[in-house]
Amino acid sequence: MTNNQPAPDGVMRLINGYWNTGVIGAAATHRVFTHLENGAGTAEEIAALAEISERGAQSLLDGLVSVELVALEDGRYRNTPAASAFLVEGKPASLAGFAKLKLQHTGSLIDLPEVVRTGGPLTGGETEVADNPHWEGIVPAIAGVSVPAADAGVEALGIADAGEITILDVGGGSGIYSSIWLKANPAARAVQLDWEPINVIARRLVAEQGVGERFTTLNGDFHTTDFGTGEYDIAVYSHIAHQENAESNIEVFTRLRKALKPGGALVVADYVVDDDRSAPAFPLLFALEMLLKSKEGGTWRRADYRDWLIKAGFEDVTFHDAPPATMVIAR
């Protein structure tokens, strides 16, 4: 290699990036991060606890060191802080289930060149249905994705000291916002609007957090269900806007504005890109998932959200970091 010629290592790592999904998903499947957190530190120990081959355990550990989720010190392996926080089962922000879920999605990337050429999904888009038998696995798996925004919302909205407030979570899935916010404020109550099979799961998960008696559900589709008028102090619309087009988002925001009490706040959490589309990195990459799976979805700019919310009747729109997402608060 000449001094002016870059090494191919970085490009090679990117080309083989699917191995990142593979090694993390496989490690999560076999609870490697959880075993490491509990004191295991060698391939032999991991193999015995996970009931996998020692050769397989060593290969997983090598891969996890490569992606900087596991460190090797004095002959023993340990989780890095990121792995400890986000990949150990049972922790509030755990993405272990999400890692296993994404491993199942890697095959769809084979269609991406043709999807890019045509400008949309090849099979009409990913259609979610209320009676999807996979909700039981999917709903808990994606809960951790919303934890950073839900945590940030506690401080940004002053939830702990807000007194007797009522929260509406549209398409709330696992009920993660309700779980976190009801814990923060023992006088608050929450209502989740979602499909019935998902609400069944949410009621169980929220009850497990000890706040189920202040959590109720409303079965329905947010596209058609009436949100009511002047009933809520806070409304949440999390990780939904990216799958909708501009007209749909404005329409839903308008109905949510009507559902809020005077002075109420709408919280929109999603993967938002800068106005010049130069950053942040993850939302930019997520745009390809929307191209692959939705007919009109995308990663929208801050300017888009501000414009839509103003058109919906909100007057004050602020943006708050909740990596990898952004939390938008509109009043």
C-alpha atoms as a PDB file:
ATOM      1  CA  MET A   1       0.000   0.000   0.000  1.00  0.00           C
ATOM      2  CA  THR A   2       1.307   3.474  -0.797  1.00  0.00           C
ATOM      3  CA  ASN A   3       1.125   6.357   1.635  1.00  0.00           C
ATOM      4  CA  ASN A   4      -1.654   7.907  -0.444  1.00  0.00           C
ATOM      5  CA  GLN A   5      -3.693   4.716  -0.795  1.00  0.00           C
ATOM      6  CA  PRO A   6      -6.234   4.052   1.997  1.00  0.00           C
ATOM      7  CA  ALA A   7      -6.371   0.578   3.486  1.00  0.00           C
ATOM      8  CA  PRO A   8      -9.421  -1.500   2.538  1.00  0.00           C
ATOM      9  CA  ASP A   9     -10.176  -2.559   6.131  1.00  0.00           C
ATOM     10  CA  GLY A  10     -12.934  -0.021   6.723  1.00  0.00           C
ATOM     11  CA  VAL A  11     -14.706  -0.798   3.462  1.00  0.00           C
ATOM     12  CA  MET A  12     -14.352  -4.535   4.123  1.00  0.00           C
ATOM     13  CA  ARG A  13     -16.010  -4.128   7.507  1.00  0.00           C
ATOM     14  CA  LEU A  14     -18.899  -2.250   5.925  1.00  0.00           C
ATOM     15  CA  ILE A  15     -19.353  -4.783   3.128  1.00  0.00           C
ATOM     16  CA  ASN A  16     -19.466  -7.550   5.729  1.00  0.00           C
ATOM     17  CA  GLY A  17     -21.726  -5.545   8.021  1.00  0.00           C
ATOM     18  CA  TYR A  18     -24.380  -8.247   7.982  1.00  0.00           C
ATOM     19  CA  TRP A  19     -22.064 -10.196  10.250  1.00  0.00           C
ATOM     20  CA  ASN A  20     -22.665  -7.554  12.927  1.00  0.00           C
ATOM     21  CA  THR A  21     -26.366  -8.401  12.869  1.00  0.00           C
ATOM     22  CA  GLY A  22     -25.504 -12.099  12.822  1.00  0.00           C
ATOM     23  CA  VAL A  23     -23.101 -12.207  15.723  1.00  0.00           C
ATOM     24  CA  ILE A  24     -25.194  -9.923  17.957  1.00  0.00           C
ATOM     25  CA  GLY A  25     -28.425 -11.745  17.134  1.00  0.00           C
ATOM     26  CA  ALA A  26     -26.848 -15.164  17.709  1.00  0.00           C
ATOM     27  CA  ALA A  27     -25.227 -14.022  20.958  1.00  0.00           C
ATOM     28  CA  ALA A  28     -28.557 -12.646  22.178  1.00  0.00           C
ATOM     29  CA  THR A  29     -30.310 -15.883  21.189  1.00  0.00           C
ATOM     30  CA  HIS A  30     -27.916 -17.862  23.380  1.00  0.00           C
ATOM     31  CA  ARG A  31     -27.974 -15.260  26.203  1.00  0.00           C
ATOM     32  CA  VAL A  32     -24.222 -14.683  25.940  1.00  0.00           C
ATOM     33  CA  PHE A  33     -24.431 -11.091  27.211  1.00  0.00           C
ATOM     34  CA  THR A  34     -26.540 -12.193  30.177  1.00  0.00           C
ATOM     35  CA  HIS A  35     -24.123 -15.000  31.039  1.00  0.00           C
ATOM     36  CA  LEU A  36     -21.179 -12.592  30.855  1.00  0.00           C
ATOM     37  CA  GLU A  37     -23.024 -10.141  33.093  1.00  0.00           C
ATOM     38  CA  ASN A  38     -23.541 -12.910  35.615  1.00  0.00           C
ATOM     39  CA  GLY A  39     -19.833 -13.734  35.812  1.00  0.00           C
ATOM     40  CA  ALA A  40     -18.974 -16.140  33.001  1.00  0.00           C
ATOM     41  CA  GLY A  41     -15.709 -15.163  31.370  1.00  0.00           C
ATOM     42  CA  THR A  42     -14.380 -17.902  29.087  1.00  0.00           C
ATOM     43  CA  ALA A  43     -15.590 -19.759  26.017  1.00  0.00           C
ATOM     44  CA  GLU A  44     -15.764 -22.930  28.091  1.00  0.00           C
ATOM     45  CA  GLU A  45     -17.968 -21.294  30.720  1.00  0.00           C
ATOM     46  CA  ILE A  46     -20.231 -19.674  28.120  1.00  0.00           C
ATOM     47  CA  ALA A  47     -20.568 -22.964  26.241  1.00  0.00           C
ATOM     48  CA  ALA A  48     -21.636 -24.823  29.378  1.00  0.00           C
ATOM     49  CA  LEU A  49     -24.178 -22.207  30.472  1.00  0.00           C
ATOM     50  CA  ALA A  50     -25.622 -21.604  26.986  1.00  0.00           C
ATOM     51  CA  GLU A  51     -25.527 -25.301  26.053  1.00  0.00           C
ATOM     52  CA  ILE A  52     -23.649 -24.570  22.825  1.00  0.00           C
ATOM     53  CA  SER A  53     -20.383 -25.865  21.415  1.00  0.00           C
ATOM     54  CA  GLU A  54     -17.158 -24.424  22.823  1.00  0.00           C
ATOM     55  CA  ARG A  55     -16.030 -23.718  19.271  1.00  0.00           C
ATOM     56  CA  GLY A  56     -19.254 -21.772  18.673  1.00  0.00           C
ATOM     57  CA  ALA A  57     -18.862 -19.874  21.944  1.00  0.00           C
ATOM     58  CA  GLN A  58     -15.314 -18.882  21.046  1.00  0.00           C
ATOM     59  CA  SER A  59     -16.384 -17.688  17.601  1.00  0.00           C
ATOM     60  CA  LEU A  60     -19.177 -15.566  19.123  1.00  0.00           C
ATOM     61  CA  LEU A  61     -16.797 -14.046  21.656  1.00  0.00           C
ATOM     62  CA  ASP A  62     -14.251 -13.271  18.913  1.00  0.00           C
ATOM     63  CA  GLY A  63     -16.951 -11.559  16.880  1.00  0.00           C
ATOM     64  CA  LEU A  64     -18.221  -9.586  19.863  1.00  0.00           C
ATOM     65  CA  VAL A  65     -14.704  -8.372  20.626  1.00  0.00           C
ATOM     66  CA  SER A  66     -14.456  -7.293  16.982  1.00  0.00           C
ATOM     67  CA  VAL A  67     -17.613  -5.175  17.207  1.00  0.00           C
ATOM     68  CA  GLU A  68     -16.513  -3.799  20.598  1.00  0.00           C
ATOM     69  CA  LEU A  69     -19.383  -5.206  22.617  1.00  0.00           C
ATOM     70  CA  VAL A  70     -17.140  -7.532  24.619  1.00  0.00           C
ATOM     71  CA  ALA A  71     -13.658  -6.845  26.011  1.00  0.00           C
ATOM     72  CA  LEU A  72     -10.913  -9.351  26.798  1.00  0.00           C
ATOM     73  CA  GLU A  73      -8.794  -8.701  29.891  1.00  0.00           C
ATOM     74  CA  ASP A  74      -6.357 -11.107  31.537  1.00  0.00           C
ATOM     75  CA  GLY A  75      -7.789 -14.023  29.617  1.00  0.00           C
ATOM     76  CA  ARG A  76     -11.412 -13.367  30.590  1.00  0.00           C
ATOM     77  CA  TYR A  77     -14.234 -11.774  28.638  1.00  0.00           C
ATOM     78  CA  ARG A  78     -16.642  -9.147  29.941  1.00  0.00           C
ATOM     79  CA  ASN A  79     -19.416  -6.974  28.548  1.00  0.00           C
ATOM     80  CA  THR A  80     -18.519  -3.438  27.531  1.00  0.00           C
ATOM     81  CA  PRO A  81     -20.709  -0.728  29.135  1.00  0.00           C
ATOM     82  CA  ALA A  82     -22.890  -0.568  25.999  1.00  0.00           C
ATOM     83  CA  ALA A  83     -23.512  -4.327  25.997  1.00  0.00           C
ATOM     84  CA  SER A  84     -24.208  -4.286  29.726  1.00  0.00           C
ATOM     85  CA  ALA A  85     -26.775  -1.498  29.360  1.00  0.00           C
ATOM     86  CA  PHE A  86     -28.553  -2.632  26.204  1.00  0.00           C
ATOM     87  CA  LEU A  87     -28.064  -6.361  25.596  1.00  0.00           C
ATOM     88  CA  VAL A  88     -28.509  -8.035  28.967  1.00  0.00           C
ATOM     89  CA  GLU A  89     -31.927  -9.638  29.373  1.00  0.00           C
ATOM     90  CA  GLY A  90     -34.204  -8.140  31.982  1.00  0.00           C
ATOM     91  CA  LYS A  91     -32.712  -4.664  32.036  1.00  0.00           C
ATOM     92  CA  PRO A  92     -35.174  -1.827  31.290  1.00  0.00           C
ATOM     93  CA  ALA A  93     -33.501  -0.715  28.049  1.00  0.00           C
ATOM     94  CA  SER A  94     -32.543  -4.187  26.850  1.00  0.00           C
ATOM     95  CA  LEU A  95     -32.434  -4.604  23.074  1.00  0.00           C
ATOM     96  CA  ALA A  96     -31.627  -8.315  23.221  1.00  0.00           C
ATOM     97  CA  GLY A  97     -35.043  -9.244  21.849  1.00  0.00           C
ATOM     98  CA  PHE A  98     -34.714  -6.610  19.154  1.00  0.00           C
ATOM     99  CA  ALA A  99     -31.335  -8.082  18.126  1.00  0.00           C
ATOM    100  CA  LYS A 100     -32.939 -11.498  17.673  1.00  0.00           C
ATOM    101  CA  LEU A 101     -35.807  -9.944  15.716  1.00  0.00           C
ATOM    102  CA  LYS A 102     -33.512  -8.097  13.301  1.00  0.00           C
ATOM    103  CA  LEU A 103     -31.588 -11.295  12.605  1.00  0.00           C
ATOM    104  CA  GLN A 104     -34.786 -12.615  10.995  1.00  0.00           C
ATOM    105  CA  HIS A 105     -34.939  -9.593   8.663  1.00  0.00           C
ATOM    106  CA  THR A 106     -31.552  -9.923   6.978  1.00  0.00           C
ATOM    107  CA  GLY A 107     -32.892 -11.974   4.063  1.00  0.00           C
ATOM    108  CA  SER A 108     -35.076  -9.088   2.872  1.00  0.00           C
ATOM    109  CA  LEU A 109     -31.989  -7.068   1.921  1.00  0.00           C
ATOM    110  CA  ILE A 110     -31.573  -9.170  -1.199  1.00  0.00           C
ATOM    111  CA  ASP A 111     -34.425  -7.133  -2.707  1.00  0.00           C
ATOM    112  CA  LEU A 112     -32.883  -3.746  -1.969  1.00  0.00           C
ATOM    113  CA  PRO A 113     -31.247  -3.084  -5.385  1.00  0.00           C
ATOM    114  CA  GLU A 114     -34.579  -3.615  -7.159  1.00  0.00           C
ATOM    115  CA  VAL A 115     -36.462  -1.668  -4.461  1.00  0.00           C
ATOM    116  CA  VAL A 116     -34.105   1.273  -4.996  1.00  0.00           C
ATOM    117  CA  ARG A 117     -34.681   1.066  -8.752  1.00  0.00           C
ATOM    118  CA  THR A 118     -38.471   1.032  -8.490  1.00  0.00           C
ATOM    119  CA  GLY A 119     -38.786   3.377  -5.512  1.00  0.00           C
ATOM    120  CA  GLY A 120     -40.802   1.107  -3.251  1.00  0.00           C
ATOM    121  CA  PRO A 121     -41.388  -2.420  -1.891  1.00  0.00           C
ATOM    122  CA  LEU A 122     -41.761  -5.254  -4.363  1.00  0.00           C
ATOM    123  CA  THR A 123     -44.755  -6.921  -2.685  1.00  0.00           C
ATOM    124  CA  GLY A 124     -46.951  -3.935  -1.859  1.00  0.00           C
ATOM    125  CA  GLY A 125     -45.332  -3.055   1.444  1.00  0.00           C
ATOM    126  CA  GLU A 126     -45.294  -4.567   4.865  1.00  0.00           C
ATOM    127  CA  THR A 127     -48.896  -4.795   6.038  1.00  0.00           C
ATOM    128  CA  GLU A 128     -49.526  -5.097   9.742  1.00  0.00           C
ATOM    129  CA  VAL A 129     -52.695  -6.834  10.830  1.00  0.00           C
ATOM    130  CA  ALA A 130     -54.343  -7.023  14.218  1.00  0.00           C
ATOM    131  CA  ASP A 131     -54.308 -10.825  14.430  1.00  0.00           C
ATOM    132  CA  ASN A 132     -50.619 -11.235  13.570  1.00  0.00           C
ATOM    133  CA  PRO A 133     -49.480 -14.280  15.612  1.00  0.00           C
ATOM    134  CA  HIS A 134     -46.015 -12.787  15.912  1.00  0.00           C
ATOM    135  CA  TRP A 135     -47.090  -9.828  18.098  1.00  0.00           C
ATOM    136  CA  GLU A 136     -46.289 -11.819  21.240  1.00  0.00           C
ATOM    137  CA  GLY A 137     -42.642 -11.853  20.210  1.00  0.00           C
ATOM    138  CA  ILE A 138     -42.442  -8.531  18.400  1.00  0.00           C
ATOM    139  CA  VAL A 139     -44.137  -6.231  20.939  1.00  0.00           C
ATOM    140  CA  PRO A 140     -41.797  -6.956  23.882  1.00  0.00           C
ATOM    141  CA  ALA A 141     -38.787  -7.064  21.537  1.00  0.00           C
ATOM    142  CA  ILE A 142     -39.211  -3.515  20.309  1.00  0.00           C
ATOM    143  CA  ALA A 143     -40.083  -2.001  23.709  1.00  0.00           C
ATOM    144  CA  GLY A 144     -36.457  -1.154  24.461  1.00  0.00           C
ATOM    145  CA  VAL A 145     -36.248   1.047  21.366  1.00  0.00           C
ATOM    146  CA  SER A 146     -38.521   3.610  23.046  1.00  0.00           C
ATOM    147  CA  VAL A 147     -36.887   3.640  26.490  1.00  0.00           C
ATOM    148  CA  PRO A 148     -34.462   6.549  25.795  1.00  0.00           C
ATOM    149  CA  ALA A 149     -37.272   8.823  24.590  1.00  0.00           C
ATOM    150  CA  ALA A 150     -39.600   7.770  27.409  1.00  0.00           C
ATOM    151  CA  ASP A 151     -36.873   8.463  29.966  1.00  0.00           C
ATOM    152  CA  ALA A 152     -36.098  11.829  28.363  1.00  0.00           C
ATOM    153  CA  GLY A 153     -39.777  12.704  28.415  1.00  0.00           C
ATOM    154  CA  VAL A 154     -39.947  12.377  32.204  1.00  0.00           C
ATOM    155  CA  GLU A 155     -37.604  15.343  32.590  1.00  0.00           C
ATOM    156  CA  ALA A 156     -38.615  17.365  29.527  1.00  0.00           C
ATOM    157  CA  LEU A 157     -42.311  17.267  30.458  1.00  0.00           C
ATOM    158  CA  GLY A 158     -41.865  17.491  34.224  1.00  0.00           C
ATOM    159  CA  ILE A 159     -43.952  14.356  34.612  1.00  0.00           C
ATOM    160  CA  ALA A 160     -42.853  13.499  38.146  1.00  0.00           C
ATOM    161  CA  ASP A 161     -44.288  16.743  39.525  1.00  0.00           C
ATOM    162  CA  ALA A 162     -47.254  17.106  37.163  1.00  0.00           C
ATOM    163  CA  GLY A 163     -49.869  15.749  39.560  1.00  0.00           C
ATOM    164  CA  GLU A 164     -53.087  14.135  38.323  1.00  0.00           C
ATOM    165  CA  ILE A 165     -52.485  14.025  34.582  1.00  0.00           C
ATOM    166  CA  THR A 166     -53.987  11.781  31.925  1.00  0.00           C
ATOM    167  CA  ILE A 167     -51.844  10.399  29.103  1.00  0.00           C
ATOM    168  CA  LEU A 168     -52.944   9.053  25.709  1.00  0.00           C
ATOM    169  CA  ASP A 169     -50.463   6.756  23.968  1.00  0.00           C
ATOM    170  CA  VAL A 170     -51.434   6.185  20.327  1.00  0.00           C
ATOM    171  CA  GLY A 171     -50.159   2.882  18.948  1.00  0.00           C
ATOM    172  CA  GLY A 172     -48.389   2.317  22.257  1.00  0.00           C
ATOM    173  CA  GLY A 173     -47.450  -1.317  21.651  1.00  0.00           C
ATOM    174  CA  SER A 174     -45.807  -2.632  24.816  1.00  0.00           C
ATOM    175  CA  GLY A 175     -47.006   0.292  26.944  1.00  0.00           C
ATOM    176  CA  ILE A 176     -43.424   1.289  27.676  1.00  0.00           C
ATOM    177  CA  TYR A 177     -44.218   5.018  27.898  1.00  0.00           C
ATOM    178  CA  SER A 178     -47.054   4.315  30.321  1.00  0.00           C
ATOM    179  CA  SER A 179     -44.854   2.023  32.422  1.00  0.00           C
ATOM    180  CA  ILE A 180     -42.093   4.597  32.776  1.00  0.00           C
ATOM    181  CA  TRP A 181     -44.288   7.674  33.184  1.00  0.00           C
ATOM    182  CA  LEU A 182     -46.733   6.092  35.636  1.00  0.00           C
ATOM    183  CA  LYS A 183     -43.795   4.955  37.757  1.00  0.00           C
ATOM    184  CA  ALA A 184     -42.450   8.495  37.738  1.00  0.00           C
ATOM    185  CA  ASN A 185     -45.817   9.995  38.730  1.00  0.00           C
ATOM    186  CA  PRO A 186     -48.039   7.950  41.093  1.00  0.00           C
ATOM    187  CA  ALA A 187     -50.975  10.301  40.445  1.00  0.00           C
ATOM    188  CA  ALA A 188     -50.934   9.909  36.643  1.00  0.00           C
ATOM    189  CA  ARG A 189     -53.201   7.705  34.560  1.00  0.00           C
ATOM    190  CA  ALA A 190     -52.643   6.428  31.012  1.00  0.00           C
ATOM    191  CA  VAL A 191     -54.787   5.199  28.133  1.00  0.00           C
ATOM    192  CA  GLN A 192     -53.308   3.224  25.246  1.00  0.00           C
ATOM    193  CA  LEU A 193     -54.953   3.027  21.834  1.00  0.00           C
ATOM    194  CA  ASP A 194     -53.909  -0.014  19.815  1.00  0.00           C
ATOM    195  CA  TRP A 195     -55.250  -3.233  18.335  1.00  0.00           C
ATOM    196  CA  GLU A 196     -56.815  -5.616  20.837  1.00  0.00           C
ATOM    197  CA  PRO A 197     -54.166  -8.390  20.646  1.00  0.00           C
ATOM    198  CA  ILE A 198     -51.441  -5.814  21.281  1.00  0.00           C
ATOM    199  CA  ASN A 199     -53.359  -4.235  24.153  1.00  0.00           C
ATOM    200  CA  VAL A 200     -53.635  -7.655  25.802  1.00  0.00           C
ATOM    201  CA  ILE A 201     -49.837  -7.894  25.772  1.00  0.00           C
ATOM    202  CA  ALA A 202     -49.443  -4.299  26.965  1.00  0.00           C
ATOM    203  CA  ARG A 203     -51.743  -4.805  29.947  1.00  0.00           C
ATOM    204  CA  ARG A 204     -49.640  -7.753  31.058  1.00  0.00           C
ATOM    205  CA  LEU A 205     -46.321  -5.937  30.614  1.00  0.00           C
ATOM    206  CA  VAL A 206     -47.498  -2.766  32.359  1.00  0.00           C
ATOM    207  CA  ALA A 207     -48.957  -4.799  35.218  1.00  0.00           C
ATOM    208  CA  GLU A 208     -45.586  -6.500  35.642  1.00  0.00           C
ATOM    209  CA  GLN A 209     -44.154  -3.033  36.335  1.00  0.00           C
ATOM    210  CA  GLY A 210     -46.605  -2.525  39.178  1.00  0.00           C
ATOM    211  CA  VAL A 211     -48.672   0.269  37.627  1.00  0.00           C
ATOM    212  CA  GLY A 212     -51.373  -1.705  35.826  1.00  0.00           C
ATOM    213  CA  GLU A 213     -54.219  -0.346  37.959  1.00  0.00           C
ATOM    214  CA  ARG A 214     -53.694   3.116  36.418  1.00  0.00           C
ATOM    215  CA  PHE A 215     -53.399   1.843  32.843  1.00  0.00           C
ATOM    216  CA  THR A 216     -56.386   1.247  30.561  1.00  0.00           C
ATOM    217  CA  THR A 217     -56.623   0.356  26.884  1.00  0.00           C
ATOM    218  CA  LEU A 218     -58.803   1.365  23.967  1.00  0.00           C
ATOM    219  CA  ASN A 219     -59.051  -1.105  21.097  1.00  0.00           C
ATOM    220  CA  GLY A 220     -58.924   0.420  17.639  1.00  0.00           C
ATOM    221  CA  ASP A 221     -56.923   1.737  14.692  1.00  0.00           C
ATOM    222  CA  PHE A 222     -55.495   5.236  15.141  1.00  0.00           C
ATOM    223  CA  HIS A 223     -56.363   6.089  11.535  1.00  0.00           C
ATOM    224  CA  THR A 224     -60.086   5.863  12.258  1.00  0.00           C
ATOM    225  CA  THR A 225     -60.642   5.876  16.035  1.00  0.00           C
ATOM    226  CA  ASP A 226     -61.882   9.107  17.610  1.00  0.00           C
ATOM    227  CA  PHE A 227     -59.383  10.465  20.166  1.00  0.00           C
ATOM    228  CA  GLY A 228     -62.006  12.615  21.866  1.00  0.00           C
ATOM    229  CA  THR A 229     -61.908  16.339  22.673  1.00  0.00           C
ATOM    230  CA  GLY A 230     -59.983  18.051  25.479  1.00  0.00           C
ATOM    231  CA  GLU A 231     -59.456  14.842  27.454  1.00  0.00           C
ATOM    232  CA  TYR A 232     -55.679  14.475  27.823  1.00  0.00           C
ATOM    233  CA  ASP A 233     -52.760  16.406  29.280  1.00  0.00           C
ATOM    234  CA  ILE A 234     -50.172  14.547  27.192  1.00  0.00           C
ATOM    235  CA  ALA A 235     -50.459  12.531  23.983  1.00  0.00           C
ATOM    236  CA  VAL A 236     -47.748  10.260  22.566  1.00  0.00           C
ATOM    237  CA  TYR A 237     -47.173   9.288  18.924  1.00  0.00           C
ATOM    238  CA  SER A 238     -43.975   7.253  19.006  1.00  0.00           C
ATOM    239  CA  HIS A 239     -42.225   5.567  16.061  1.00  0.00           C
ATOM    240  CA  ILE A 240     -45.283   5.814  13.829  1.00  0.00           C
ATOM    241  CA  ALA A 241     -44.718   8.978  11.783  1.00  0.00           C
ATOM    242  CA  HIS A 242     -41.955   7.322   9.756  1.00  0.00           C
ATOM    243  CA  GLN A 243     -44.423   4.873   8.213  1.00  0.00           C
ATOM    244  CA  GLU A 244     -46.975   7.582   7.285  1.00  0.00           C
ATOM    245  CA  ASN A 245     -46.936  10.254   4.573  1.00  0.00           C
ATOM    246  CA  ALA A 246     -47.231  13.991   5.189  1.00  0.00           C
ATOM    247  CA  GLU A 247     -51.019  14.148   4.781  1.00  0.00           C
ATOM    248  CA  SER A 248     -51.587  11.282   7.201  1.00  0.00           C
ATOM    249  CA  ASN A 249     -49.295  12.760   9.841  1.00  0.00           C
ATOM    250  CA  ILE A 250     -50.948  16.180   9.626  1.00  0.00           C
ATOM    251  CA  GLU A 251     -54.391  14.583   9.917  1.00  0.00           C
ATOM    252  CA  VAL A 252     -53.426  12.565  13.004  1.00  0.00           C
ATOM    253  CA  PHE A 253     -51.630  15.529  14.605  1.00  0.00           C
ATOM    254  CA  THR A 254     -54.738  17.656  14.080  1.00  0.00           C
ATOM    255  CA  ARG A 255     -56.947  15.119  15.852  1.00  0.00           C
ATOM    256  CA  LEU A 256     -54.406  14.768  18.660  1.00  0.00           C
ATOM    257  CA  ARG A 257     -54.338  18.552  19.077  1.00  0.00           C
ATOM    258  CA  LYS A 258     -58.123  18.438  19.517  1.00  0.00           C
ATOM    259  CA  ALA A 259     -57.814  15.631  22.079  1.00  0.00           C
ATOM    260  CA  LEU A 260     -55.498  17.654  24.334  1.00  0.00           C
ATOM    261  CA  LYS A 261     -56.599  19.919  27.146  1.00  0.00           C
ATOM    262  CA  PRO A 262     -55.588  23.613  26.871  1.00  0.00           C
ATOM    263  CA  GLY A 263     -51.838  23.786  27.424  1.00  0.00           C
ATOM    264  CA  GLY A 264     -51.438  20.063  26.757  1.00  0.00           C
ATOM    265  CA  ALA A 265     -48.417  18.576  24.991  1.00  0.00           C
ATOM    266  CA  LEU A 266     -47.990  16.155  22.100  1.00  0.00           C
ATOM    267  CA  VAL A 267     -44.850  14.021  22.170  1.00  0.00           C
ATOM    268  CA  VAL A 268     -43.651  12.644  18.830  1.00  0.00           C
ATOM    269  CA  ALA A 269     -40.640  10.329  19.017  1.00  0.00           C
ATOM    270  CA  ASP A 270     -39.034   9.064  15.839  1.00  0.00           C
ATOM    271  CA  TYR A 271     -35.875   8.847  13.736  1.00  0.00           C
ATOM    272  CA  VAL A 272     -35.564  12.445  12.571  1.00  0.00           C
ATOM    273  CA  VAL A 273     -32.901  13.789  10.188  1.00  0.00           C
ATOM    274  CA  ASP A 274     -31.393  17.250  10.028  1.00  0.00           C
ATOM    275  CA  ASP A 275     -32.913  19.667   7.554  1.00  0.00           C
ATOM    276  CA  ASP A 276     -30.000  19.234   5.100  1.00  0.00           C
ATOM    277  CA  ARG A 277     -30.138  15.421   5.509  1.00  0.00           C
ATOM    278  CA  SER A 278     -26.484  15.242   6.595  1.00  0.00           C
ATOM    279  CA  ALA A 279     -27.090  13.577   9.996  1.00  0.00           C
ATOM    280  CA  PRO A 280     -27.725  11.771  12.325  1.00  0.00           C
ATOM    281  CA  ALA A 281     -26.280   8.525  11.013  1.00  0.00           C
ATOM    282  CA  PHE A 282     -28.865   5.996  12.192  1.00  0.00           C
ATOM    283  CA  PRO A 283     -31.979   7.856  10.955  1.00  0.00           C
ATOM    284  CA  LEU A 284     -30.299   8.332   7.576  1.00  0.00           C
ATOM    285  CA  LEU A 285     -29.709   4.593   7.301  1.00  0.00           C
ATOM    286  CA  PHE A 286     -33.213   3.810   8.557  1.00  0.00           C
ATOM    287  CA  ALA A 287     -34.624   5.563   5.484  1.00  0.00           C
ATOM    288  CA  LEU A 288     -33.672   2.452   3.497  1.00  0.00           C
ATOM    289  CA  GLU A 289     -35.802   0.268   5.751  1.00  0.00           C
ATOM    290  CA  MET A 290     -38.768   2.479   5.015  1.00  0.00           C
ATOM    291  CA  LEU A 291     -38.037   2.262   1.285  1.00  0.00           C
ATOM    292  CA  LEU A 292     -37.882  -1.514   1.581  1.00  0.00           C
ATOM    293  CA  LYS A 293     -41.013  -1.966   3.697  1.00  0.00           C
ATOM    294  CA  SER A 294     -43.402   0.937   3.133  1.00  0.00           C
ATOM    295  CA  LYS A 295     -45.018   2.620   0.151  1.00  0.00           C
ATOM    296  CA  GLU A 296     -44.783   6.199   1.422  1.00  0.00           C
ATOM    297  CA  GLY A 297     -42.803   6.175   4.686  1.00  0.00           C
ATOM    298  CA  GLY A 298     -39.408   7.713   5.255  1.00  0.00           C
ATOM    299  CA  THR A 299     -37.173   9.467   7.747  1.00  0.00           C
ATOM    300  CA  TRP A 300     -38.532  12.983   7.871  1.00  0.00           C
ATOM    301  CA  ARG A 301     -36.657  16.225   8.533  1.00  0.00           C
ATOM    302  CA  ARG A 302     -37.048  18.485  11.541  1.00  0.00           C
ATOM    303  CA  ALA A 303     -38.531  21.055   9.168  1.00  0.00           C
ATOM    304  CA  ASP A 304     -41.181  18.541   8.111  1.00  0.00           C
ATOM    305  CA  TYR A 305     -42.296  17.876  11.668  1.00  0.00           C
ATOM    306  CA  ARG A 306     -42.351  21.578  12.508  1.00  0.00           C
ATOM    307  CA  ASP A 307     -44.424  22.341   9.399  1.00  0.00           C
ATOM    308  CA  TRP A 308     -46.893  19.500  10.004  1.00  0.00           C
ATOM    309  CA  LEU A 309     -47.389  20.370  13.679  1.00  0.00           C
ATOM    310  CA  ILE A 310     -47.947  24.047  12.958  1.00  0.00           C
ATOM    311  CA  LYS A 311     -50.500  23.115  10.306  1.00  0.00           C
ATOM    312  CA  ALA A 312     -52.186  20.874  12.886  1.00  0.00           C
ATOM    313  CA  GLY A 313     -52.684  23.857  15.202  1.00  0.00           C
ATOM    314  CA  PHE A 314     -49.699  23.688  17.528  1.00  0.00           C
ATOM    315  CA  GLU A 315     -47.788  26.892  18.212  1.00  0.00           C
ATOM    316  CA  ASP A 316     -44.607  25.830  20.045  1.00  0.00           C
ATOM    317  CA  VAL A 317     -42.442  22.996  18.657  1.00  0.00           C
ATOM    318  CA  THR A 318     -39.162  21.932  20.286  1.00  0.00           C
ATOM    319  CA  PHE A 319     -36.701  19.114  19.560  1.00  0.00           C
ATOM    320  CA  HIS A 320     -34.928  17.009  22.184  1.00  0.00           C
ATOM    321  CA  ASP A 321     -32.201  14.400  21.649  1.00  0.00           C
ATOM    322  CA  ALA A 322     -33.060  10.826  22.635  1.00  0.00           C
ATOM    323  CA  PRO A 323     -30.476   8.867  20.572  1.00  0.00           C
ATOM    324  CA  PRO A 324     -30.940   7.236  18.169  1.00  0.00           C
ATOM    325  CA  ALA A 325     -34.329   8.972  18.054  1.00  0.00           C
ATOM    326  CA  THR A 326     -35.426  12.571  18.475  1.00  0.00           C
ATOM    327  CA  MET A 327     -38.286  13.611  20.735  1.00  0.00           C
ATOM    328  CA  VAL A 328     -40.488  16.419  19.390  1.00  0.00           C
ATOM    329  CA  ILE A 329     -42.687  18.248  21.893  1.00  0.00           C
ATOM    330  CA  ALA A 330     -45.519  20.383  20.521  1.00  0.00           C
ATOM    331  CA  ARG A 331     -47.881  22.615  22.506  1.00  0.00           C
END
